[in-house]
Amino acid sequence: MDRRIILLLAFVMVVTGALLGLKGLASHKVRHDSSVSAYNVPSAASAPASQPIMAPDFSLKSLPEGKQVQLSSLRGKAVLINFWATYCGPCKEEMPFLVELQKKYGPEGLQILGVTMDDVEEKSITDFARKMGVNYPILQGTEKVADAYGGINGLPTTFFVGRSGKVVKELLGVAEKPLFEDLVKQALHDGAEHPRDQQN
Protein backbone atom coordinates (compact mmCIF):
# COMPACT_ATOMS: atom_id res chain seq x y z
CA MET A 1 0.00 0.00 0.00
CA ASP A 2 2.74 2.44 0.97
CA ARG A 3 4.68 1.55 -2.17
CA ARG A 4 1.69 2.31 -4.40
CA ILE A 5 1.20 5.70 -2.73
CA ILE A 6 4.87 6.55 -3.22
CA LEU A 7 4.73 5.54 -6.89
CA LEU A 8 1.53 7.58 -7.38
CA LEU A 9 3.09 10.67 -5.78
CA ALA A 10 6.21 10.28 -7.91
CA PHE A 11 4.07 10.06 -11.06
CA VAL A 12 2.13 13.20 -10.08
CA MET A 13 5.37 15.09 -9.43
CA VAL A 14 6.81 14.10 -12.83
CA VAL A 15 3.64 15.16 -14.70
CA THR A 16 3.45 18.44 -12.76
CA GLY A 17 7.09 19.22 -13.52
CA ALA A 18 6.59 18.54 -17.21
CA LEU A 19 3.55 20.81 -17.37
CA LEU A 20 5.37 23.63 -15.57
CA GLY A 21 8.27 23.29 -17.99
CA LEU A 22 5.97 23.58 -21.01
CA LYS A 23 4.28 26.61 -19.47
CA GLY A 24 7.67 28.28 -18.97
CA LEU A 25 8.60 27.71 -22.60
CA ALA A 26 5.27 29.13 -23.77
CA SER A 27 5.61 32.29 -21.66
CA HIS A 28 9.15 32.82 -22.95
CA LYS A 29 7.88 32.63 -26.53
CA VAL A 30 5.18 35.22 -25.78
CA ARG A 31 7.69 37.62 -24.26
CA HIS A 32 10.04 37.16 -27.22
CA ASP A 33 7.29 37.63 -29.81
CA SER A 34 5.90 40.72 -28.08
CA SER A 35 9.27 42.47 -28.24
CA VAL A 36 9.63 42.13 -31.98
CA SER A 37 6.75 42.62 -34.38
CA ALA A 38 6.53 42.12 -38.12
CA TYR A 39 6.12 45.00 -40.53
CA ASN A 40 3.19 47.14 -39.50
CA VAL A 41 3.23 49.39 -42.54
CA PRO A 42 0.32 49.42 -45.02
CA SER A 43 0.63 46.73 -47.71
CA ALA A 44 3.43 45.07 -45.78
CA ALA A 45 1.10 42.33 -44.58
CA SER A 46 0.83 41.05 -48.14
CA ALA A 47 4.49 41.61 -48.97
CA PRO A 48 6.81 38.58 -48.65
CA ALA A 49 9.57 38.92 -46.07
CA SER A 50 12.09 38.72 -48.92
CA GLN A 51 10.61 41.86 -50.48
CA PRO A 52 10.85 44.71 -47.94
CA ILE A 53 8.67 47.73 -48.67
CA MET A 54 9.71 51.35 -49.03
CA ALA A 55 9.32 53.41 -45.87
CA PRO A 56 6.48 55.95 -46.33
CA ASP A 57 7.98 59.37 -46.96
CA PHE A 58 7.20 62.29 -44.66
CA SER A 59 8.22 65.86 -43.89
CA LEU A 60 8.09 66.87 -40.21
CA LYS A 61 9.11 69.94 -38.25
CA SER A 62 12.24 69.64 -36.13
CA LEU A 63 12.23 70.94 -32.56
CA PRO A 64 13.24 73.56 -31.58
CA GLU A 65 14.72 74.67 -34.94
CA GLY A 66 11.42 74.56 -36.80
CA LYS A 67 13.04 73.22 -39.98
CA GLN A 68 11.30 70.63 -42.15
CA VAL A 69 13.07 67.27 -42.25
CA GLN A 70 12.10 64.99 -45.12
CA LEU A 71 12.81 61.28 -44.87
CA SER A 72 13.54 60.84 -48.58
CA SER A 73 16.32 63.46 -48.32
CA LEU A 74 18.23 60.97 -46.17
CA ARG A 75 18.32 58.27 -48.87
CA GLY A 76 21.73 56.63 -48.82
CA LYS A 77 21.81 56.67 -45.01
CA ALA A 78 20.45 54.09 -42.62
CA VAL A 79 17.60 55.76 -40.72
CA LEU A 80 16.20 54.70 -37.38
CA ILE A 81 12.72 56.22 -36.90
CA ASN A 82 11.86 56.13 -33.21
CA PHE A 83 8.26 57.04 -32.24
CA TRP A 84 8.25 58.14 -28.59
CA ALA A 85 6.71 60.51 -26.01
CA THR A 86 7.88 62.29 -22.86
CA TYR A 87 5.30 60.42 -20.74
CA CYS A 88 6.59 57.03 -21.95
CA GLY A 89 8.76 55.33 -19.32
CA PRO A 90 10.29 52.73 -21.67
CA CYS A 91 11.12 55.52 -24.14
CA LYS A 92 13.14 57.25 -21.43
CA GLU A 93 14.91 53.95 -20.68
CA GLU A 94 16.14 53.45 -24.23
CA MET A 95 17.09 57.06 -25.04
CA PRO A 96 20.64 56.84 -23.61
CA PHE A 97 21.24 53.78 -25.79
CA LEU A 98 19.96 55.64 -28.86
CA VAL A 99 22.40 58.43 -28.05
CA GLU A 100 25.19 55.82 -27.91
CA LEU A 101 24.14 54.34 -31.25
CA GLN A 102 24.13 57.76 -32.95
CA LYS A 103 27.64 58.46 -31.64
CA LYS A 104 28.96 55.03 -32.63
CA TYR A 105 27.31 54.53 -36.02
CA GLY A 106 26.68 58.13 -37.14
CA PRO A 107 30.07 58.29 -38.88
CA GLU A 108 29.14 55.08 -40.75
CA GLY A 109 25.91 56.58 -42.08
CA LEU A 110 23.28 56.12 -39.36
CA GLN A 111 20.74 58.87 -38.74
CA ILE A 112 18.30 58.51 -35.85
CA LEU A 113 15.06 60.51 -35.98
CA GLY A 114 13.05 60.84 -32.78
CA VAL A 115 9.39 61.38 -33.73
CA THR A 116 7.53 62.64 -30.68
CA MET A 117 3.84 61.82 -30.37
CA ASP A 118 3.37 64.23 -27.44
CA ASP A 119 0.45 66.64 -27.27
CA VAL A 120 2.22 69.19 -25.07
CA GLU A 121 4.08 72.48 -25.52
CA GLU A 122 7.14 72.27 -27.72
CA LYS A 123 9.31 73.69 -24.94
CA SER A 124 8.44 70.76 -22.68
CA ILE A 125 9.57 68.35 -25.39
CA THR A 126 12.81 70.17 -26.18
CA ASP A 127 13.65 70.61 -22.48
CA PHE A 128 13.10 66.87 -21.96
CA ALA A 129 15.28 65.96 -24.95
CA ARG A 130 18.03 68.32 -23.80
CA LYS A 131 17.93 66.81 -20.30
CA MET A 132 18.29 63.33 -21.81
CA GLY A 133 21.31 64.45 -23.85
CA VAL A 134 19.65 63.64 -27.18
CA ASN A 135 22.10 64.10 -30.06
CA TYR A 136 19.72 63.41 -32.96
CA PRO A 137 16.83 65.42 -34.47
CA ILE A 138 13.52 65.49 -32.60
CA LEU A 139 10.56 65.81 -34.97
CA GLN A 140 6.97 66.74 -34.15
CA GLY A 141 4.91 63.71 -35.13
CA THR A 142 1.41 63.78 -36.59
CA GLU A 143 -1.44 61.30 -36.76
CA LYS A 144 -1.07 61.29 -40.55
CA VAL A 145 2.50 60.03 -40.30
CA ALA A 146 1.56 57.52 -37.60
CA ASP A 147 -1.21 56.20 -39.85
CA ALA A 148 1.19 55.99 -42.79
CA TYR A 149 3.27 53.61 -40.68
CA GLY A 150 0.31 51.38 -40.00
CA GLY A 151 -0.82 53.11 -36.81
CA ILE A 152 1.43 53.29 -33.76
CA ASN A 153 -0.04 50.81 -31.28
CA GLY A 154 2.47 51.39 -28.51
CA LEU A 155 5.51 53.43 -27.55
CA PRO A 156 8.32 53.25 -28.23
CA THR A 157 7.96 51.89 -31.76
CA THR A 158 11.07 51.89 -33.93
CA PHE A 159 11.47 51.40 -37.69
CA PHE A 160 14.85 50.46 -39.10
CA VAL A 161 15.17 51.83 -42.65
CA GLY A 162 18.05 50.72 -44.84
CA ARG A 163 20.15 52.90 -47.13
CA SER A 164 17.85 51.80 -49.95
CA GLY A 165 14.88 53.44 -48.19
CA LYS A 166 13.26 50.10 -47.44
CA VAL A 167 12.03 49.00 -43.99
CA VAL A 168 14.38 46.37 -42.59
CA LYS A 169 12.39 45.72 -39.41
CA GLU A 170 9.96 47.24 -36.92
CA LEU A 171 10.32 46.89 -33.15
CA LEU A 172 7.48 47.47 -30.72
CA GLY A 173 8.69 48.26 -27.21
CA VAL A 174 12.18 48.19 -25.72
CA ALA A 175 14.40 45.45 -27.13
CA GLU A 176 17.62 43.98 -25.81
CA LYS A 177 20.67 46.01 -26.85
CA PRO A 178 22.37 43.26 -28.91
CA LEU A 179 19.24 42.80 -31.03
CA PHE A 180 18.79 46.57 -31.45
CA GLU A 181 22.41 47.02 -32.50
CA ASP A 182 22.22 44.06 -34.89
CA LEU A 183 19.24 45.67 -36.65
CA VAL A 184 21.17 48.94 -36.97
CA LYS A 185 23.95 47.00 -38.69
CA GLN A 186 21.41 45.38 -41.03
CA ALA A 187 20.04 48.80 -41.94
CA LEU A 188 23.57 50.11 -42.59
CA HIS A 189 24.30 47.11 -44.81
CA ASP A 190 21.06 47.39 -46.82
CA GLY A 191 21.84 49.19 -50.07
CA ALA A 192 25.45 49.82 -49.06
CA GLU A 193 26.79 48.01 -52.13
CA HIS A 194 25.66 50.79 -54.47
CA PRO A 195 25.23 53.97 -52.37
CA ARG A 196 25.43 56.26 -55.44
CA ASP A 197 22.57 54.44 -57.11
CA GLN A 198 20.44 54.90 -54.01
CA GLN A 199 20.94 58.66 -54.03
CA ASN A 200 20.10 59.17 -57.72
C-alpha atoms as a PDB file:
ATOM      1  CA  MET A   1       0.000   0.000   0.000  1.00  0.00           C
ATOM      2  CA  ASP A   2       2.740   2.435   0.966  1.00  0.00           C
ATOM      3  CA  ARG A   3       4.679   1.553  -2.170  1.00  0.00           C
ATOM      4  CA  ARG A   4       1.687   2.312  -4.398  1.00  0.00           C
ATOM      5  CA  ILE A   5       1.198   5.699  -2.734  1.00  0.00           C
ATOM      6  CA  ILE A   6       4.871   6.553  -3.221  1.00  0.00           C
ATOM      7  CA  LEU A   7       4.726   5.544  -6.890  1.00  0.00           C
ATOM      8  CA  LEU A   8       1.534   7.585  -7.384  1.00  0.00           C
ATOM      9  CA  LEU A   9       3.093  10.668  -5.778  1.00  0.00           C
ATOM     10  CA  ALA A  10       6.211  10.276  -7.908  1.00  0.00           C
ATOM     11  CA  PHE A  11       4.072  10.064 -11.059  1.00  0.00           C
ATOM     12  CA  VAL A  12       2.126  13.202 -10.084  1.00  0.00           C
ATOM     13  CA  MET A  13       5.375  15.093  -9.428  1.00  0.00           C
ATOM     14  CA  VAL A  14       6.807  14.101 -12.825  1.00  0.00           C
ATOM     15  CA  VAL A  15       3.642  15.157 -14.696  1.00  0.00           C
ATOM     16  CA  THR A  16       3.450  18.438 -12.761  1.00  0.00           C
ATOM     17  CA  GLY A  17       7.094  19.220 -13.516  1.00  0.00           C
ATOM     18  CA  ALA A  18       6.592  18.539 -17.206  1.00  0.00           C
ATOM     19  CA  LEU A  19       3.553  20.812 -17.367  1.00  0.00           C
ATOM     20  CA  LEU A  20       5.368  23.626 -15.570  1.00  0.00           C
ATOM     21  CA  GLY A  21       8.275  23.285 -17.994  1.00  0.00           C
ATOM     22  CA  LEU A  22       5.975  23.583 -21.007  1.00  0.00           C
ATOM     23  CA  LYS A  23       4.285  26.614 -19.467  1.00  0.00           C
ATOM     24  CA  GLY A  24       7.673  28.281 -18.974  1.00  0.00           C
ATOM     25  CA  LEU A  25       8.601  27.707 -22.599  1.00  0.00           C
ATOM     26  CA  ALA A  26       5.266  29.126 -23.773  1.00  0.00           C
ATOM     27  CA  SER A  27       5.606  32.285 -21.665  1.00  0.00           C
ATOM     28  CA  HIS A  28       9.150  32.824 -22.952  1.00  0.00           C
ATOM     29  CA  LYS A  29       7.875  32.630 -26.525  1.00  0.00           C
ATOM     30  CA  VAL A  30       5.179  35.218 -25.779  1.00  0.00           C
ATOM     31  CA  ARG A  31       7.693  37.624 -24.263  1.00  0.00           C
ATOM     32  CA  HIS A  32      10.035  37.163 -27.223  1.00  0.00           C
ATOM     33  CA  ASP A  33       7.290  37.633 -29.814  1.00  0.00           C
ATOM     34  CA  SER A  34       5.898  40.723 -28.077  1.00  0.00           C
ATOM     35  CA  SER A  35       9.273  42.471 -28.235  1.00  0.00           C
ATOM     36  CA  VAL A  36       9.632  42.134 -31.985  1.00  0.00           C
ATOM     37  CA  SER A  37       6.746  42.618 -34.383  1.00  0.00           C
ATOM     38  CA  ALA A  38       6.534  42.115 -38.120  1.00  0.00           C
ATOM     39  CA  TYR A  39       6.120  45.002 -40.525  1.00  0.00           C
ATOM     40  CA  ASN A  40       3.195  47.143 -39.501  1.00  0.00           C
ATOM     41  CA  VAL A  41       3.230  49.392 -42.541  1.00  0.00           C
ATOM     42  CA  PRO A  42       0.316  49.423 -45.015  1.00  0.00           C
ATOM     43  CA  SER A  43       0.631  46.727 -47.714  1.00  0.00           C
ATOM     44  CA  ALA A  44       3.433  45.066 -45.784  1.00  0.00           C
ATOM     45  CA  ALA A  45       1.105  42.331 -44.578  1.00  0.00           C
ATOM     46  CA  SER A  46       0.833  41.054 -48.140  1.00  0.00           C
ATOM     47  CA  ALA A  47       4.492  41.613 -48.970  1.00  0.00           C
ATOM     48  CA  PRO A  48       6.812  38.581 -48.652  1.00  0.00           C
ATOM     49  CA  ALA A  49       9.574  38.918 -46.065  1.00  0.00           C
ATOM     50  CA  SER A  50      12.092  38.722 -48.919  1.00  0.00           C
ATOM     51  CA  GLN A  51      10.605  41.856 -50.481  1.00  0.00           C
ATOM     52  CA  PRO A  52      10.846  44.715 -47.937  1.00  0.00           C
ATOM     53  CA  ILE A  53       8.670  47.726 -48.670  1.00  0.00           C
ATOM     54  CA  MET A  54       9.710  51.347 -49.029  1.00  0.00           C
ATOM     55  CA  ALA A  55       9.320  53.412 -45.874  1.00  0.00           C
ATOM     56  CA  PRO A  56       6.484  55.946 -46.334  1.00  0.00           C
ATOM     57  CA  ASP A  57       7.984  59.368 -46.961  1.00  0.00           C
ATOM     58  CA  PHE A  58       7.197  62.293 -44.655  1.00  0.00           C
ATOM     59  CA  SER A  59       8.216  65.860 -43.893  1.00  0.00           C
ATOM     60  CA  LEU A  60       8.086  66.865 -40.208  1.00  0.00           C
ATOM     61  CA  LYS A  61       9.111  69.940 -38.247  1.00  0.00           C
ATOM     62  CA  SER A  62      12.244  69.642 -36.130  1.00  0.00           C
ATOM     63  CA  LEU A  63      12.235  70.943 -32.557  1.00  0.00           C
ATOM     64  CA  PRO A  64      13.241  73.556 -31.581  1.00  0.00           C
ATOM     65  CA  GLU A  65      14.719  74.669 -34.941  1.00  0.00           C
ATOM     66  CA  GLY A  66      11.421  74.561 -36.804  1.00  0.00           C
ATOM     67  CA  LYS A  67      13.038  73.219 -39.981  1.00  0.00           C
ATOM     68  CA  GLN A  68      11.298  70.633 -42.148  1.00  0.00           C
ATOM     69  CA  VAL A  69      13.065  67.272 -42.251  1.00  0.00           C
ATOM     70  CA  GLN A  70      12.102  64.985 -45.122  1.00  0.00           C
ATOM     71  CA  LEU A  71      12.805  61.278 -44.866  1.00  0.00           C
ATOM     72  CA  SER A  72      13.543  60.840 -48.578  1.00  0.00           C
ATOM     73  CA  SER A  73      16.320  63.459 -48.323  1.00  0.00           C
ATOM     74  CA  LEU A  74      18.232  60.970 -46.168  1.00  0.00           C
ATOM     75  CA  ARG A  75      18.321  58.271 -48.868  1.00  0.00           C
ATOM     76  CA  GLY A  76      21.734  56.628 -48.820  1.00  0.00           C
ATOM     77  CA  LYS A  77      21.810  56.666 -45.014  1.00  0.00           C
ATOM     78  CA  ALA A  78      20.445  54.086 -42.618  1.00  0.00           C
ATOM     79  CA  VAL A  79      17.600  55.758 -40.725  1.00  0.00           C
ATOM     80  CA  LEU A  80      16.195  54.702 -37.377  1.00  0.00           C
ATOM     81  CA  ILE A  81      12.724  56.220 -36.902  1.00  0.00           C
ATOM     82  CA  ASN A  82      11.856  56.133 -33.211  1.00  0.00           C
ATOM     83  CA  PHE A  83       8.260  57.038 -32.243  1.00  0.00           C
ATOM     84  CA  TRP A  84       8.251  58.138 -28.588  1.00  0.00           C
ATOM     85  CA  ALA A  85       6.708  60.513 -26.011  1.00  0.00           C
ATOM     86  CA  THR A  86       7.880  62.286 -22.860  1.00  0.00           C
ATOM     87  CA  TYR A  87       5.304  60.415 -20.742  1.00  0.00           C
ATOM     88  CA  CYS A  88       6.585  57.033 -21.949  1.00  0.00           C
ATOM     89  CA  GLY A  89       8.757  55.332 -19.316  1.00  0.00           C
ATOM     90  CA  PRO A  90      10.287  52.731 -21.669  1.00  0.00           C
ATOM     91  CA  CYS A  91      11.117  55.523 -24.137  1.00  0.00           C
ATOM     92  CA  LYS A  92      13.138  57.247 -21.432  1.00  0.00           C
ATOM     93  CA  GLU A  93      14.915  53.953 -20.681  1.00  0.00           C
ATOM     94  CA  GLU A  94      16.138  53.445 -24.235  1.00  0.00           C
ATOM     95  CA  MET A  95      17.093  57.059 -25.041  1.00  0.00           C
ATOM     96  CA  PRO A  96      20.636  56.844 -23.607  1.00  0.00           C
ATOM     97  CA  PHE A  97      21.239  53.784 -25.791  1.00  0.00           C
ATOM     98  CA  LEU A  98      19.955  55.640 -28.857  1.00  0.00           C
ATOM     99  CA  VAL A  99      22.399  58.432 -28.049  1.00  0.00           C
ATOM    100  CA  GLU A 100      25.194  55.824 -27.910  1.00  0.00           C
ATOM    101  CA  LEU A 101      24.143  54.340 -31.246  1.00  0.00           C
ATOM    102  CA  GLN A 102      24.134  57.760 -32.949  1.00  0.00           C
ATOM    103  CA  LYS A 103      27.638  58.461 -31.641  1.00  0.00           C
ATOM    104  CA  LYS A 104      28.956  55.030 -32.635  1.00  0.00           C
ATOM    105  CA  TYR A 105      27.306  54.534 -36.021  1.00  0.00           C
ATOM    106  CA  GLY A 106      26.678  58.126 -37.141  1.00  0.00           C
ATOM    107  CA  PRO A 107      30.073  58.286 -38.876  1.00  0.00           C
ATOM    108  CA  GLU A 108      29.136  55.076 -40.748  1.00  0.00           C
ATOM    109  CA  GLY A 109      25.915  56.579 -42.082  1.00  0.00           C
ATOM    110  CA  LEU A 110      23.284  56.119 -39.359  1.00  0.00           C
ATOM    111  CA  GLN A 111      20.743  58.871 -38.738  1.00  0.00           C
ATOM    112  CA  ILE A 112      18.301  58.512 -35.851  1.00  0.00           C
ATOM    113  CA  LEU A 113      15.057  60.514 -35.979  1.00  0.00           C
ATOM    114  CA  GLY A 114      13.048  60.837 -32.778  1.00  0.00           C
ATOM    115  CA  VAL A 115       9.394  61.376 -33.731  1.00  0.00           C
ATOM    116  CA  THR A 116       7.528  62.641 -30.678  1.00  0.00           C
ATOM    117  CA  MET A 117       3.838  61.820 -30.365  1.00  0.00           C
ATOM    118  CA  ASP A 118       3.374  64.230 -27.443  1.00  0.00           C
ATOM    119  CA  ASP A 119       0.451  66.641 -27.273  1.00  0.00           C
ATOM    120  CA  VAL A 120       2.223  69.193 -25.069  1.00  0.00           C
ATOM    121  CA  GLU A 121       4.082  72.477 -25.524  1.00  0.00           C
ATOM    122  CA  GLU A 122       7.142  72.271 -27.719  1.00  0.00           C
ATOM    123  CA  LYS A 123       9.313  73.690 -24.943  1.00  0.00           C
ATOM    124  CA  SER A 124       8.439  70.757 -22.685  1.00  0.00           C
ATOM    125  CA  ILE A 125       9.569  68.353 -25.395  1.00  0.00           C
ATOM    126  CA  THR A 126      12.811  70.169 -26.181  1.00  0.00           C
ATOM    127  CA  ASP A 127      13.650  70.613 -22.476  1.00  0.00           C
ATOM    128  CA  PHE A 128      13.098  66.872 -21.964  1.00  0.00           C
ATOM    129  CA  ALA A 129      15.281  65.956 -24.948  1.00  0.00           C
ATOM    130  CA  ARG A 130      18.029  68.320 -23.799  1.00  0.00           C
ATOM    131  CA  LYS A 131      17.930  66.812 -20.297  1.00  0.00           C
ATOM    132  CA  MET A 132      18.295  63.330 -21.809  1.00  0.00           C
ATOM    133  CA  GLY A 133      21.310  64.454 -23.854  1.00  0.00           C
ATOM    134  CA  VAL A 134      19.651  63.640 -27.180  1.00  0.00           C
ATOM    135  CA  ASN A 135      22.103  64.097 -30.063  1.00  0.00           C
ATOM    136  CA  TYR A 136      19.725  63.408 -32.963  1.00  0.00           C
ATOM    137  CA  PRO A 137      16.833  65.425 -34.475  1.00  0.00           C
ATOM    138  CA  ILE A 138      13.524  65.491 -32.602  1.00  0.00           C
ATOM    139  CA  LEU A 139      10.563  65.809 -34.968  1.00  0.00           C
ATOM    140  CA  GLN A 140       6.968  66.742 -34.145  1.00  0.00           C
ATOM    141  CA  GLY A 141       4.913  63.715 -35.128  1.00  0.00           C
ATOM    142  CA  THR A 142       1.410  63.783 -36.592  1.00  0.00           C
ATOM    143  CA  GLU A 143      -1.438  61.297 -36.756  1.00  0.00           C
ATOM    144  CA  LYS A 144      -1.070  61.286 -40.546  1.00  0.00           C
ATOM    145  CA  VAL A 145       2.500  60.029 -40.300  1.00  0.00           C
ATOM    146  CA  ALA A 146       1.564  57.518 -37.596  1.00  0.00           C
ATOM    147  CA  ASP A 147      -1.211  56.198 -39.851  1.00  0.00           C
ATOM    148  CA  ALA A 148       1.193  55.991 -42.791  1.00  0.00           C
ATOM    149  CA  TYR A 149       3.274  53.612 -40.683  1.00  0.00           C
ATOM    150  CA  GLY A 150       0.306  51.383 -39.999  1.00  0.00           C
ATOM    151  CA  GLY A 151      -0.818  53.115 -36.806  1.00  0.00           C
ATOM    152  CA  ILE A 152       1.435  53.293 -33.764  1.00  0.00           C
ATOM    153  CA  ASN A 153      -0.041  50.809 -31.284  1.00  0.00           C
ATOM    154  CA  GLY A 154       2.474  51.393 -28.514  1.00  0.00           C
ATOM    155  CA  LEU A 155       5.512  53.435 -27.548  1.00  0.00           C
ATOM    156  CA  PRO A 156       8.325  53.247 -28.232  1.00  0.00           C
ATOM    157  CA  THR A 157       7.960  51.894 -31.764  1.00  0.00           C
ATOM    158  CA  THR A 158      11.068  51.887 -33.931  1.00  0.00           C
ATOM    159  CA  PHE A 159      11.467  51.398 -37.686  1.00  0.00           C
ATOM    160  CA  PHE A 160      14.852  50.462 -39.102  1.00  0.00           C
ATOM    161  CA  VAL A 161      15.168  51.829 -42.646  1.00  0.00           C
ATOM    162  CA  GLY A 162      18.049  50.721 -44.844  1.00  0.00           C
ATOM    163  CA  ARG A 163      20.147  52.900 -47.135  1.00  0.00           C
ATOM    164  CA  SER A 164      17.846  51.802 -49.953  1.00  0.00           C
ATOM    165  CA  GLY A 165      14.883  53.438 -48.195  1.00  0.00           C
ATOM    166  CA  LYS A 166      13.259  50.099 -47.438  1.00  0.00           C
ATOM    167  CA  VAL A 167      12.031  48.997 -43.993  1.00  0.00           C
ATOM    168  CA  VAL A 168      14.379  46.370 -42.593  1.00  0.00           C
ATOM    169  CA  LYS A 169      12.392  45.720 -39.406  1.00  0.00           C
ATOM    170  CA  GLU A 170       9.961  47.242 -36.915  1.00  0.00           C
ATOM    171  CA  LEU A 171      10.317  46.886 -33.151  1.00  0.00           C
ATOM    172  CA  LEU A 172       7.485  47.467 -30.717  1.00  0.00           C
ATOM    173  CA  GLY A 173       8.693  48.255 -27.212  1.00  0.00           C
ATOM    174  CA  VAL A 174      12.179  48.190 -25.717  1.00  0.00           C
ATOM    175  CA  ALA A 175      14.397  45.446 -27.135  1.00  0.00           C
ATOM    176  CA  GLU A 176      17.620  43.976 -25.810  1.00  0.00           C
ATOM    177  CA  LYS A 177      20.672  46.010 -26.847  1.00  0.00           C
ATOM    178  CA  PRO A 178      22.373  43.260 -28.913  1.00  0.00           C
ATOM    179  CA  LEU A 179      19.238  42.799 -31.032  1.00  0.00           C
ATOM    180  CA  PHE A 180      18.795  46.566 -31.449  1.00  0.00           C
ATOM    181  CA  GLU A 181      22.409  47.018 -32.505  1.00  0.00           C
ATOM    182  CA  ASP A 182      22.219  44.061 -34.894  1.00  0.00           C
ATOM    183  CA  LEU A 183      19.238  45.671 -36.646  1.00  0.00           C
ATOM    184  CA  VAL A 184      21.174  48.938 -36.967  1.00  0.00           C
ATOM    185  CA  LYS A 185      23.953  46.996 -38.693  1.00  0.00           C
ATOM    186  CA  GLN A 186      21.414  45.378 -41.027  1.00  0.00           C
ATOM    187  CA  ALA A 187      20.040  48.805 -41.940  1.00  0.00           C
ATOM    188  CA  LEU A 188      23.566  50.105 -42.590  1.00  0.00           C
ATOM    189  CA  HIS A 189      24.297  47.110 -44.807  1.00  0.00           C
ATOM    190  CA  ASP A 190      21.063  47.389 -46.816  1.00  0.00           C
ATOM    191  CA  GLY A 191      21.838  49.187 -50.073  1.00  0.00           C
ATOM    192  CA  ALA A 192      25.454  49.818 -49.057  1.00  0.00           C
ATOM    193  CA  GLU A 193      26.789  48.013 -52.134  1.00  0.00           C
ATOM    194  CA  HIS A 194      25.659  50.791 -54.466  1.00  0.00           C
ATOM    195  CA  PRO A 195      25.234  53.973 -52.375  1.00  0.00           C
ATOM    196  CA  ARG A 196      25.430  56.257 -55.440  1.00  0.00           C
ATOM    197  CA  ASP A 197      22.571  54.445 -57.113  1.00  0.00           C
ATOM    198  CA  GLN A 198      20.436  54.904 -54.011  1.00  0.00           C
ATOM    199  CA  GLN A 199      20.942  58.662 -54.028  1.00  0.00           C
ATOM    200  CA  ASN A 200      20.099  59.171 -57.722  1.00  0.00           C
END
